Protein backbone atom coordinates (compact mmCIF):
# COMPACT_ATOMS: atom_id res chain seq x y z
CA MET A 1 38.30 -1.45 -1.95
CA SER A 2 37.49 -4.37 0.89
CA LYS A 3 34.46 -6.51 1.39
CA ASN A 4 32.89 -4.60 3.46
CA GLU A 5 33.77 -1.21 1.99
CA ASP A 6 31.81 -2.52 -1.13
CA PHE A 7 28.39 -3.43 0.88
CA SER A 8 29.17 0.01 2.74
CA ARG A 9 29.78 2.09 -0.44
CA ARG A 10 26.32 0.03 -2.56
CA LEU A 11 24.25 0.68 1.51
CA ARG A 12 24.61 4.57 1.03
CA GLU A 13 23.68 4.19 -2.50
CA THR A 14 20.63 2.79 -2.34
CA ARG A 15 19.76 5.05 0.28
CA GLU A 16 21.02 8.31 -0.86
CA ASN A 17 19.39 6.46 -4.14
CA ARG A 18 15.95 6.57 -2.67
CA LYS A 19 16.30 10.10 -0.82
CA MET A 20 16.55 8.33 2.64
CA LYS A 21 18.59 10.20 6.19
CA GLN A 22 20.19 7.50 7.82
CA SER A 23 17.36 8.82 10.33
CA ASP A 24 15.00 7.42 8.53
CA VAL A 25 16.90 3.78 7.60
CA ALA A 26 17.20 3.99 11.03
CA ARG A 27 13.78 4.23 12.05
CA ARG A 28 12.24 1.47 9.46
CA THR A 29 15.06 -1.62 10.88
CA GLY A 30 14.75 -0.41 14.04
CA LEU A 31 19.01 0.55 14.64
CA GLN A 32 19.64 3.63 16.20
CA PRO A 33 20.99 6.15 13.57
CA SER A 34 25.00 5.84 14.87
CA ALA A 35 25.06 2.26 13.22
CA ILE A 36 23.25 2.80 9.85
CA SER A 37 26.86 5.77 9.87
CA GLN A 38 29.15 3.01 11.01
CA PHE A 39 27.55 0.47 8.48
CA GLU A 40 28.01 2.78 5.41
CA ASN A 41 31.41 4.59 7.32
CA ALA A 42 33.05 0.72 7.54
CA GLN A 43 33.33 0.75 10.97
CA ARG A 44 31.29 -1.94 11.46
CA GLU A 45 28.94 -5.04 10.04
CA PRO A 46 25.96 -5.73 10.86
CA SER A 47 24.88 -9.52 12.15
CA HIS A 48 23.25 -10.60 9.49
CA ASP A 49 19.61 -10.31 11.11
CA ASN A 50 20.52 -5.95 10.79
CA LEU A 51 20.67 -7.11 7.74
CA LYS A 52 17.53 -8.32 7.08
CA LYS A 53 16.35 -4.87 8.29
CA LEU A 54 18.81 -2.91 5.84
CA ALA A 55 17.81 -4.53 3.11
CA SER A 56 13.75 -4.51 3.55
CA ALA A 57 13.80 -0.85 4.72
CA LEU A 58 15.76 0.18 1.74
CA GLY A 59 13.74 -1.95 -0.63
CA VAL A 60 17.50 -4.00 -1.99
CA SER A 61 18.44 -7.87 -1.59
CA THR A 62 21.01 -9.09 0.68
CA ASP A 63 22.66 -9.76 -2.00
CA TYR A 64 22.47 -6.92 -3.55
CA LEU A 65 24.23 -5.76 -0.44
CA LEU A 66 26.29 -8.01 -0.25
CA TYR A 67 28.03 -8.74 -3.38
CA GLY A 68 26.09 -6.25 -5.75
CA THR A 69 24.21 -8.43 -7.77
CA THR A 70 23.73 -7.12 -11.54
CA SER A 71 20.44 -5.63 -10.22
CA VAL A 72 19.70 -3.70 -7.57
CA GLY A 73 16.04 -4.80 -7.42
CA VAL A 74 13.11 -4.87 -5.61
CA ALA A 75 12.55 -7.00 -2.47
CA GLY A 76 10.72 -6.13 1.19
CA PRO A 77 7.46 -5.12 2.01
CA GLN A 78 6.09 -2.72 -0.60
CA LEU A 79 7.13 -5.96 -3.36
CA ARG A 80 4.86 -8.04 -0.94
CA ALA A 81 2.37 -5.42 -0.32
CA VAL A 82 1.64 -4.38 -4.78
CA VAL A 83 2.21 -8.31 -5.19
CA ARG A 84 -1.06 -8.61 -2.52
CA TYR A 85 -2.47 -5.66 -5.23
CA ALA A 86 -1.96 -7.07 -8.04
CA GLN A 87 -4.11 -10.74 -7.29
CA SER A 88 -7.21 -8.95 -7.36
CA MET A 89 -6.37 -7.33 -10.63
CA THR A 90 -7.98 -7.81 -13.81
CA GLY A 91 -5.96 -8.03 -16.22
CA GLU A 92 -5.91 -4.73 -17.84
CA ASP A 93 -5.41 -2.97 -14.18
CA LEU A 94 -1.88 -5.32 -14.70
CA ASP A 95 -1.55 -3.29 -17.96
CA MET A 96 -1.87 -0.35 -16.61
CA LEU A 97 -0.02 -1.21 -13.09
CA GLU A 98 3.45 -1.93 -16.01
CA ASN A 99 2.80 0.85 -17.45
CA PHE A 100 2.67 3.00 -14.78
CA ALA A 101 5.57 0.89 -13.42
CA ALA A 102 7.59 1.80 -15.80
CA LEU A 103 7.19 4.75 -16.55
CA LEU A 104 7.97 5.43 -12.40
CA ALA A 105 11.02 3.83 -13.53
CA LYS A 106 11.30 6.33 -16.88
CA LYS A 107 11.37 8.75 -14.26
CA GLY A 108 13.98 7.08 -11.53
CA LYS A 109 16.86 6.87 -14.20
CA ASN A 110 16.06 10.47 -15.31
CA ARG A 111 16.59 12.08 -12.49
CA LEU A 112 19.72 9.73 -11.10
CA ALA A 113 21.21 10.33 -15.00
CA GLU A 114 20.53 14.69 -13.49
CA GLU A 115 22.07 13.52 -10.54
CA ASN A 116 25.21 12.15 -11.65
CA GLY A 117 25.12 15.02 -14.19
CA ASN A 118 25.40 17.13 -11.58
CA ARG A 119 28.23 15.51 -9.00
């Protein structure tokens, strides 16, 4: 598999894992849906600026999309918002936030396992 095919596969898998349509990614990035399709089908490579837009829209790093780092990670506006809110929280609130994040992560892993079992 070529580097571009790896990128295309990761882009599609990340979008699907987030239950997003190509049109959702297009809207969040300001790109045409046809461009998203071309990226996912290894027909075209995104520019550096468009790569950053894709990563931000999907909440991952550009390194993950390009190189498939070991974990997807979180990036983009959602993470910045969480950090901004967390800065004004008490220690007890931060503990609750951490527990809630762990619960959501577990829910996401269970959902992915169920989906992978149904394929």
